[in-house]
Amino acid sequence: MLGEATAANLLRHYCVKMRMSVEDIHSDQLPQLAEAMRPMLAVWLGSEGAAQVAQELRQLEARG
């Protein structure tokens, strides 16, 4: 939805902000990361798109 470069930059930005390493993200951290990213995702995707991406991230957590 965002493109690979934009998504990677967004992920790096929020990992730094949350003091976690991109390489060491654990599936149990995905819901917290999804919620932190949601406001910025809404800028690019609108509130519905942001909610969808956040939900998809949470589903990744459920799969472990």
N, C-alpha and C. Protein backbone atom coordinates (compact mmCIF):
# COMPACT_ATOMS: atom_id res chain seq x y z
N MET A 1 0.81 -1.20 0.00
CA MET A 1 0.00 0.00 0.00
C MET A 1 0.85 1.26 0.00
N LEU A 2 1.97 1.23 0.70
CA LEU A 2 2.83 2.41 0.81
C LEU A 2 4.00 2.38 -0.17
N GLY A 3 4.33 1.22 -0.62
CA GLY A 3 5.56 1.04 -1.38
C GLY A 3 6.66 0.59 -0.43
N GLU A 4 7.57 -0.17 -0.95
CA GLU A 4 8.59 -0.79 -0.11
C GLU A 4 9.48 0.23 0.60
N ALA A 5 9.95 1.24 -0.12
CA ALA A 5 10.85 2.23 0.50
C ALA A 5 10.15 3.04 1.59
N THR A 6 8.93 3.48 1.33
CA THR A 6 8.19 4.26 2.32
C THR A 6 7.88 3.42 3.55
N ALA A 7 7.45 2.19 3.33
CA ALA A 7 7.14 1.30 4.45
C ALA A 7 8.39 1.02 5.29
N ALA A 8 9.52 0.80 4.63
CA ALA A 8 10.77 0.54 5.36
C ALA A 8 11.18 1.76 6.18
N ASN A 9 11.06 2.94 5.59
CA ASN A 9 11.41 4.17 6.33
C ASN A 9 10.48 4.39 7.51
N LEU A 10 9.21 4.15 7.32
CA LEU A 10 8.24 4.30 8.41
C LEU A 10 8.55 3.32 9.54
N LEU A 11 8.84 2.09 9.19
CA LEU A 11 9.16 1.08 10.19
C LEU A 11 10.42 1.47 10.96
N ARG A 12 11.46 1.89 10.25
CA ARG A 12 12.70 2.30 10.93
C ARG A 12 12.44 3.47 11.88
N HIS A 13 11.68 4.45 11.41
CA HIS A 13 11.38 5.63 12.23
C HIS A 13 10.68 5.22 13.54
N TYR A 14 9.67 4.38 13.45
CA TYR A 14 8.93 4.01 14.65
C TYR A 14 9.71 3.05 15.54
N CYS A 15 10.56 2.24 14.96
CA CYS A 15 11.40 1.38 15.80
C CYS A 15 12.37 2.24 16.62
N VAL A 16 12.97 3.25 16.00
CA VAL A 16 13.86 4.15 16.74
C VAL A 16 13.08 4.85 17.84
N LYS A 17 11.91 5.35 17.48
CA LYS A 17 11.06 6.06 18.44
C LYS A 17 10.68 5.18 19.63
N MET A 18 10.48 3.89 19.37
CA MET A 18 10.07 2.96 20.41
C MET A 18 11.26 2.21 21.02
N ARG A 19 12.46 2.61 20.63
CA ARG A 19 13.70 2.01 21.14
C ARG A 19 13.75 0.50 20.94
N MET A 20 13.49 0.09 19.71
CA MET A 20 13.62 -1.32 19.36
C MET A 20 14.36 -1.41 18.03
N SER A 21 14.99 -2.52 17.80
CA SER A 21 15.74 -2.73 16.57
C SER A 21 14.82 -3.36 15.53
N VAL A 22 14.91 -2.86 14.31
CA VAL A 22 14.11 -3.43 13.22
C VAL A 22 14.42 -4.92 13.08
N GLU A 23 15.69 -5.26 13.19
CA GLU A 23 16.10 -6.65 13.02
C GLU A 23 15.61 -7.56 14.14
N ASP A 24 15.30 -6.99 15.29
CA ASP A 24 14.93 -7.79 16.45
C ASP A 24 13.46 -7.68 16.84
N ILE A 25 12.62 -7.22 15.93
CA ILE A 25 11.19 -7.11 16.24
C ILE A 25 10.63 -8.51 16.47
N HIS A 26 9.92 -8.67 17.57
CA HIS A 26 9.26 -9.94 17.88
C HIS A 26 7.77 -9.80 17.58
N SER A 27 7.15 -10.89 17.26
CA SER A 27 5.74 -10.86 16.89
C SER A 27 4.86 -10.27 17.99
N ASP A 28 5.26 -10.42 19.25
CA ASP A 28 4.44 -9.87 20.33
C ASP A 28 4.53 -8.34 20.42
N GLN A 29 5.47 -7.73 19.69
CA GLN A 29 5.59 -6.27 19.66
C GLN A 29 4.76 -5.65 18.53
N LEU A 30 4.25 -6.45 17.62
CA LEU A 30 3.54 -5.92 16.46
C LEU A 30 2.28 -5.12 16.80
N PRO A 31 1.45 -5.54 17.77
CA PRO A 31 0.28 -4.71 18.08
C PRO A 31 0.66 -3.31 18.57
N GLN A 32 1.67 -3.21 19.41
CA GLN A 32 2.13 -1.91 19.91
C GLN A 32 2.70 -1.07 18.77
N LEU A 33 3.46 -1.68 17.90
CA LEU A 33 4.04 -0.99 16.77
C LEU A 33 2.93 -0.52 15.81
N ALA A 34 1.95 -1.36 15.58
CA ALA A 34 0.84 -1.01 14.70
C ALA A 34 0.09 0.21 15.22
N GLU A 35 -0.17 0.25 16.51
CA GLU A 35 -0.89 1.39 17.09
C GLU A 35 -0.05 2.66 17.04
N ALA A 36 1.25 2.54 17.26
CA ALA A 36 2.12 3.71 17.21
C ALA A 36 2.17 4.28 15.80
N MET A 37 2.15 3.43 14.79
CA MET A 37 2.26 3.85 13.41
C MET A 37 0.94 4.35 12.82
N ARG A 38 -0.14 4.01 13.45
CA ARG A 38 -1.46 4.29 12.88
C ARG A 38 -1.71 5.76 12.53
N PRO A 39 -1.35 6.74 13.38
CA PRO A 39 -1.59 8.14 12.99
C PRO A 39 -0.85 8.55 11.71
N MET A 40 0.40 8.11 11.56
CA MET A 40 1.13 8.46 10.35
C MET A 40 0.58 7.70 9.15
N LEU A 41 0.19 6.47 9.36
CA LEU A 41 -0.43 5.72 8.25
C LEU A 41 -1.69 6.41 7.76
N ALA A 42 -2.42 7.01 8.68
CA ALA A 42 -3.65 7.71 8.31
C ALA A 42 -3.38 8.90 7.40
N VAL A 43 -2.22 9.52 7.53
CA VAL A 43 -1.85 10.64 6.67
C VAL A 43 -1.79 10.17 5.21
N TRP A 44 -1.19 9.00 5.00
CA TRP A 44 -1.02 8.49 3.64
C TRP A 44 -2.19 7.66 3.14
N LEU A 45 -2.82 6.94 4.04
CA LEU A 45 -3.82 5.96 3.61
C LEU A 45 -5.24 6.32 4.02
N GLY A 46 -5.42 7.37 4.79
CA GLY A 46 -6.73 7.67 5.34
C GLY A 46 -6.97 6.80 6.56
N SER A 47 -7.99 7.13 7.32
CA SER A 47 -8.21 6.40 8.57
C SER A 47 -8.59 4.94 8.32
N GLU A 48 -9.35 4.68 7.28
CA GLU A 48 -9.73 3.28 6.99
C GLU A 48 -8.52 2.47 6.56
N GLY A 49 -7.68 3.04 5.70
CA GLY A 49 -6.47 2.34 5.27
C GLY A 49 -5.53 2.09 6.42
N ALA A 50 -5.39 3.07 7.31
CA ALA A 50 -4.53 2.90 8.48
C ALA A 50 -5.06 1.80 9.39
N ALA A 51 -6.36 1.76 9.58
CA ALA A 51 -6.97 0.72 10.40
C ALA A 51 -6.73 -0.66 9.79
N GLN A 52 -6.82 -0.73 8.46
CA GLN A 52 -6.59 -2.01 7.78
C GLN A 52 -5.16 -2.49 7.95
N VAL A 53 -4.20 -1.60 7.76
CA VAL A 53 -2.79 -1.98 7.91
C VAL A 53 -2.50 -2.36 9.36
N ALA A 54 -3.01 -1.61 10.31
CA ALA A 54 -2.81 -1.94 11.73
C ALA A 54 -3.39 -3.32 12.04
N GLN A 55 -4.55 -3.61 11.50
CA GLN A 55 -5.17 -4.93 11.72
C GLN A 55 -4.32 -6.04 11.09
N GLU A 56 -3.79 -5.79 9.91
CA GLU A 56 -2.94 -6.80 9.25
C GLU A 56 -1.68 -7.05 10.08
N LEU A 57 -1.11 -6.02 10.67
CA LEU A 57 0.05 -6.20 11.55
C LEU A 57 -0.31 -7.02 12.78
N ARG A 58 -1.48 -6.75 13.34
CA ARG A 58 -1.91 -7.53 14.51
C ARG A 58 -2.11 -8.99 14.15
N GLN A 59 -2.61 -9.25 12.95
CA GLN A 59 -2.81 -10.64 12.51
C GLN A 59 -1.49 -11.36 12.35
N LEU A 60 -0.43 -10.63 11.95
CA LEU A 60 0.88 -11.25 11.88
C LEU A 60 1.32 -11.71 13.26
N GLU A 61 0.99 -10.92 14.29
CA GLU A 61 1.32 -11.29 15.67
C GLU A 61 0.64 -12.58 16.05
N ALA A 62 -0.60 -12.73 15.64
CA ALA A 62 -1.35 -13.93 15.99
C ALA A 62 -0.75 -15.18 15.36
N ARG A 63 -0.14 -15.02 14.19
CA ARG A 63 0.48 -16.16 13.51
C ARG A 63 1.84 -16.51 14.10
N GLY A 64 2.43 -15.50 14.85
CA GLY A 64 3.72 -15.73 15.51
C GLY A 64 4.80 -15.84 14.53
